[in-house]
C-alpha atoms as a PDB file:
ATOM      1  CA  MET A   1       9.801  -8.402   2.580  1.00  0.00           C
ATOM      2  CA  LYS A   2      12.435  -9.657   0.148  1.00  0.00           C
ATOM      3  CA  LYS A   3      11.555 -11.820  -2.860  1.00  0.00           C
ATOM      4  CA  LYS A   4      13.292 -14.806  -1.351  1.00  0.00           C
ATOM      5  CA  ASP A   5      11.282 -14.485   1.911  1.00  0.00           C
ATOM      6  CA  PHE A   6       8.132 -14.295  -0.137  1.00  0.00           C
ATOM      7  CA  ILE A   7       8.931 -17.417  -2.094  1.00  0.00           C
ATOM      8  CA  ASP A   8       9.640 -19.228   1.254  1.00  0.00           C
ATOM      9  CA  LEU A   9       6.263 -18.176   2.555  1.00  0.00           C
ATOM     10  CA  ARG A  10       4.518 -19.928  -0.388  1.00  0.00           C
ATOM     11  CA  ALA A  11       5.837 -23.282   0.922  1.00  0.00           C
ATOM     12  CA  LYS A  12       4.230 -22.791   4.441  1.00  0.00           C
ATOM     13  CA  ASP A  13       0.825 -24.128   5.288  1.00  0.00           C
ATOM     14  CA  LEU A  14      -2.293 -22.066   5.941  1.00  0.00           C
ATOM     15  CA  LYS A  15      -2.114 -22.331   9.699  1.00  0.00           C
ATOM     16  CA  ALA A  16       1.496 -21.044   9.881  1.00  0.00           C
ATOM     17  CA  LEU A  17       0.627 -18.175   7.619  1.00  0.00           C
ATOM     18  CA  LYS A  18      -2.285 -17.032   9.732  1.00  0.00           C
ATOM     19  CA  SER A  19      -0.169 -17.122  12.940  1.00  0.00           C
ATOM     20  CA  MET A  20       2.534 -15.181  11.212  1.00  0.00           C
ATOM     21  CA  ALA A  21      -0.042 -12.551  10.124  1.00  0.00           C
ATOM     22  CA  MET A  22      -1.357 -12.255  13.668  1.00  0.00           C
ATOM     23  CA  ALA A  23       2.248 -11.852  15.025  1.00  0.00           C
ATOM     24  CA  LYS A  24       2.907  -9.132  12.484  1.00  0.00           C
ATOM     25  CA  LYS A  25      -0.309  -7.267  13.374  1.00  0.00           C
ATOM     26  CA  LEU A  26       0.630  -7.306  17.088  1.00  0.00           C
ATOM     27  CA  GLU A  27       4.077  -6.055  16.137  1.00  0.00           C
ATOM     28  CA  ALA A  28       2.627  -3.292  14.070  1.00  0.00           C
ATOM     29  CA  ASP A  29       0.305  -2.166  16.851  1.00  0.00           C
ATOM     30  CA  LYS A  30       3.260  -2.158  19.325  1.00  0.00           C
ATOM     31  CA  MET A  31       5.303  -0.008  16.826  1.00  0.00           C
ATOM     32  CA  ARG A  32       2.517   2.425  16.323  1.00  0.00           C
ATOM     33  CA  MET A  33       2.320   2.993  20.131  1.00  0.00           C
ATOM     34  CA  GLU A  34       6.136   3.453  20.274  1.00  0.00           C
ATOM     35  CA  ILE A  35       5.902   6.018  17.553  1.00  0.00           C
ATOM     36  CA  VAL A  36       3.150   7.966  19.273  1.00  0.00           C
ATOM     37  CA  GLY A  37       5.118   7.704  22.485  1.00  0.00           C
ATOM     38  CA  GLY A  38       8.207   9.095  20.816  1.00  0.00           C
ATOM     39  CA  LYS A  39      10.445   6.001  21.360  1.00  0.00           C
ATOM     40  CA  GLU A  40      10.490   4.878  17.725  1.00  0.00           C
ATOM     41  CA  LYS A  41      12.168   7.179  15.176  1.00  0.00           C
ATOM     42  CA  ASN A  42      11.730   4.962  12.060  1.00  0.00           C
ATOM     43  CA  LEU A  43       8.270   6.181  10.856  1.00  0.00           C
ATOM     44  CA  LYS A  44       8.363   4.004   7.668  1.00  0.00           C
ATOM     45  CA  ALA A  45       8.651   0.725   9.676  1.00  0.00           C
ATOM     46  CA  THR A  46       4.956   0.565  10.166  1.00  0.00           C
ATOM     47  CA  ASN A  47       4.322   0.903   6.465  1.00  0.00           C
ATOM     48  CA  ASN A  48       6.774  -2.006   5.789  1.00  0.00           C
ATOM     49  CA  LEU A  49       4.986  -4.092   8.314  1.00  0.00           C
ATOM     50  CA  ARG A  50       1.636  -3.291   6.747  1.00  0.00           C
ATOM     51  CA  HIS A  51       3.004  -4.288   3.401  1.00  0.00           C
ATOM     52  CA  ASP A  52       4.254  -7.595   4.788  1.00  0.00           C
ATOM     53  CA  ILE A  53       0.931  -8.302   6.419  1.00  0.00           C
ATOM     54  CA  ALA A  54      -0.964  -7.665   3.136  1.00  0.00           C
ATOM     55  CA  GLN A  55       1.376 -10.010   1.333  1.00  0.00           C
ATOM     56  CA  ILE A  56       0.856 -12.793   3.899  1.00  0.00           C
ATOM     57  CA  LEU A  57      -2.941 -12.341   3.924  1.00  0.00           C
ATOM     58  CA  THR A  58      -2.894 -12.478   0.093  1.00  0.00           C
ATOM     59  CA  LEU A  59      -1.139 -15.882   0.248  1.00  0.00           C
ATOM     60  CA  VAL A  60      -3.671 -17.095   2.888  1.00  0.00           C
ATOM     61  CA  ARG A  61      -6.596 -16.111   0.594  1.00  0.00           C
ATOM     62  CA  GLU A  62      -4.934 -17.803  -2.387  1.00  0.00           C
ATOM     63  CA  LYS A  63      -4.371 -20.985  -0.477  1.00  0.00           C
ATOM     64  CA  GLU A  64      -8.042 -20.908   0.774  1.00  0.00           C
ATOM     65  CA  ILE A  65      -9.356 -20.536  -2.753  1.00  0.00           C
ATOM     66  CA  LEU A  66      -7.105 -23.323  -4.095  1.00  0.00           C
ATOM     67  CA  GLU A  67      -8.345 -25.653  -1.252  1.00  0.00           C
ATOM     68  CA  LYS A  68     -11.934 -24.857  -2.072  1.00  0.00           C
ATOM     69  CA  LEU A  69     -11.376 -25.491  -5.817  1.00  0.00           C
ATOM     70  CA  ASN A  70      -9.647 -28.838  -5.134  1.00  0.00           C
ATOM     71  CA  LYS A  71     -12.486 -30.179  -3.023  1.00  0.00           C
END
């Protein structure tokens, strides 16, 4: 994920981030199955997806903590 994309993610709300994380998880599972099946040749793509998922979930957690502190 590029830095500009990450900055754009900070502007999104919690619900949108959670749905994006779920979509990325499904995409990663699908890609893993394609690698096992021999269809996908780019083996680093799953690592990139896992990195993106981790960044999104980190933002989700940050927003949850900030909401808890503001209440």
